[in-house]
C-alpha atoms as a PDB file:
ATOM      1  CA  UNK A   1      73.563 102.112 100.567  1.00  0.00           C
ATOM      2  CA  UNK A   2      76.671 103.763  99.207  1.00  0.00           C
ATOM      3  CA  UNK A   3      79.955 103.590 101.060  1.00  0.00           C
ATOM      4  CA  UNK A   4      82.190 106.633 101.412  1.00  0.00           C
ATOM      5  CA  UNK A   5      85.958 106.414 101.691  1.00  0.00           C
ATOM      6  CA  UNK A   6      87.288 107.647 105.002  1.00  0.00           C
ATOM      7  CA  UNK A   7      90.053 110.243 105.078  1.00  0.00           C
ATOM      8  CA  UNK A   8      93.225 108.778 106.515  1.00  0.00           C
ATOM      9  CA  UNK A   9      95.563 111.514 105.265  1.00  0.00           C
ATOM     10  CA  UNK A  10      96.379 112.458 108.869  1.00  0.00           C
ATOM     11  CA  UNK A  11      98.474 109.283 108.987  1.00  0.00           C
ATOM     12  CA  UNK A  12     101.011 110.695 106.524  1.00  0.00           C
ATOM     13  CA  UNK A  13     104.182 111.409 108.439  1.00  0.00           C
ATOM     14  CA  UNK A  14     103.560 108.661 110.970  1.00  0.00           C
ATOM     15  CA  UNK A  15     106.791 107.056 112.082  1.00  0.00           C
ATOM     16  CA  UNK A  16     107.533 103.689 110.517  1.00  0.00           C
ATOM     17  CA  UNK A  17     105.446 104.171 107.356  1.00  0.00           C
ATOM     18  CA  UNK A  18     106.712 105.916 104.256  1.00  0.00           C
ATOM     19  CA  UNK A  19     104.571 108.523 102.552  1.00  0.00           C
ATOM     20  CA  UNK A  20     104.647 106.479  99.342  1.00  0.00           C
ATOM     21  CA  UNK A  21     103.394 103.364 101.118  1.00  0.00           C
ATOM     22  CA  UNK A  22     100.521 105.236 102.742  1.00  0.00           C
ATOM     23  CA  UNK A  23      99.502 107.011  99.533  1.00  0.00           C
ATOM     24  CA  UNK A  24      99.506 103.704  97.650  1.00  0.00           C
ATOM     25  CA  UNK A  25      97.414 102.202 100.434  1.00  0.00           C
ATOM     26  CA  UNK A  26      94.925 105.098 100.248  1.00  0.00           C
ATOM     27  CA  UNK A  27      94.661 104.719  96.461  1.00  0.00           C
ATOM     28  CA  UNK A  28      93.931 101.001  96.720  1.00  0.00           C
ATOM     29  CA  UNK A  29      91.400 101.676  99.464  1.00  0.00           C
ATOM     30  CA  UNK A  30      89.608 104.282  97.351  1.00  0.00           C
ATOM     31  CA  UNK A  31      89.418 101.777  94.505  1.00  0.00           C
ATOM     32  CA  UNK A  32      87.861  99.140  96.745  1.00  0.00           C
ATOM     33  CA  UNK A  33      85.241 101.622  97.985  1.00  0.00           C
ATOM     34  CA  UNK A  34      84.415 102.697  94.428  1.00  0.00           C
ATOM     35  CA  UNK A  35      84.196  99.118  93.177  1.00  0.00           C
ATOM     36  CA  UNK A  36      82.067  98.024  96.140  1.00  0.00           C
ATOM     37  CA  UNK A  37      79.564 100.760  95.313  1.00  0.00           C
ATOM     38  CA  UNK A  38      79.546  99.875  91.606  1.00  0.00           C
ATOM     39  CA  UNK A  39      78.960  96.181  92.274  1.00  0.00           C
ATOM     40  CA  UNK A  40      76.177  96.963  94.757  1.00  0.00           C
ATOM     41  CA  UNK A  41      74.477  99.281  92.259  1.00  0.00           C
ATOM     42  CA  UNK A  42      74.652  96.637  89.535  1.00  0.00           C
ATOM     43  CA  UNK A  43      73.359  93.896  91.831  1.00  0.00           C
ATOM     44  CA  UNK A  44      70.461  96.080  92.959  1.00  0.00           C
ATOM     45  CA  UNK A  45      69.518  96.827  89.357  1.00  0.00           C
ATOM     46  CA  UNK A  46      69.709  93.148  88.418  1.00  0.00           C
ATOM     47  CA  UNK A  47      67.523  92.329  91.424  1.00  0.00           C
ATOM     48  CA  UNK A  48      64.918  94.877  90.294  1.00  0.00           C
ATOM     49  CA  UNK A  49      65.045  93.433  86.767  1.00  0.00           C
ATOM     50  CA  UNK A  50      64.557  89.883  88.052  1.00  0.00           C
ATOM     51  CA  UNK A  51      67.935  88.719  86.749  1.00  0.00           C
ATOM     52  CA  UNK A  52      69.001  86.833  89.851  1.00  0.00           C
ATOM     53  CA  UNK A  53      69.174  83.429  88.177  1.00  0.00           C
ATOM     54  CA  UNK A  54      71.881  84.250  85.658  1.00  0.00           C
ATOM     55  CA  UNK A  55      75.604  83.519  85.991  1.00  0.00           C
ATOM     56  CA  UNK A  56      76.495  87.218  85.908  1.00  0.00           C
ATOM     57  CA  UNK A  57      74.500  87.802  89.096  1.00  0.00           C
ATOM     58  CA  UNK A  58      76.274  84.940  90.871  1.00  0.00           C
ATOM     59  CA  UNK A  59      79.666  86.238  89.738  1.00  0.00           C
ATOM     60  CA  UNK A  60      78.897  89.750  90.937  1.00  0.00           C
ATOM     61  CA  UNK A  61      77.912  88.377  94.353  1.00  0.00           C
ATOM     62  CA  UNK A  62      81.313  86.674  94.560  1.00  0.00           C
ATOM     63  CA  UNK A  63      83.002  89.851  93.361  1.00  0.00           C
ATOM     64  CA  UNK A  64      81.204  91.853  96.039  1.00  0.00           C
ATOM     65  CA  UNK A  65      82.890  89.729  98.707  1.00  0.00           C
ATOM     66  CA  UNK A  66      86.308  90.520  97.259  1.00  0.00           C
ATOM     67  CA  UNK A  67      85.703  94.262  96.948  1.00  0.00           C
ATOM     68  CA  UNK A  68      83.950  94.644 100.304  1.00  0.00           C
ATOM     69  CA  UNK A  69      86.608  92.652 102.156  1.00  0.00           C
ATOM     70  CA  UNK A  70      89.340  94.673 100.466  1.00  0.00           C
ATOM     71  CA  UNK A  71      87.634  97.869 101.571  1.00  0.00           C
ATOM     72  CA  UNK A  72      87.218  96.741 105.183  1.00  0.00           C
ATOM     73  CA  UNK A  73      90.702  95.245 105.494  1.00  0.00           C
ATOM     74  CA  UNK A  74      92.255  98.469 104.212  1.00  0.00           C
ATOM     75  CA  UNK A  75      90.280 100.379 106.839  1.00  0.00           C
ATOM     76  CA  UNK A  76      91.531  98.076 109.586  1.00  0.00           C
ATOM     77  CA  UNK A  77      95.144  98.254 108.424  1.00  0.00           C
END
């Protein structure tokens, strides 16, 4: 399942938040969505290849938590 970045551009111009801050936030968010999808694709391929017992698989599972949480927290912010 691929995640798609939501469009929050309507928030630009909102009182109390600079345009620069929001654009930086959107850029970081897009990166988290992209990285979440990449990690998921790699994990799925490793699963198909039976490579679940190697350190790279374990590291990618940890990395998925970081990327996914970053994506969700940026959506909530």
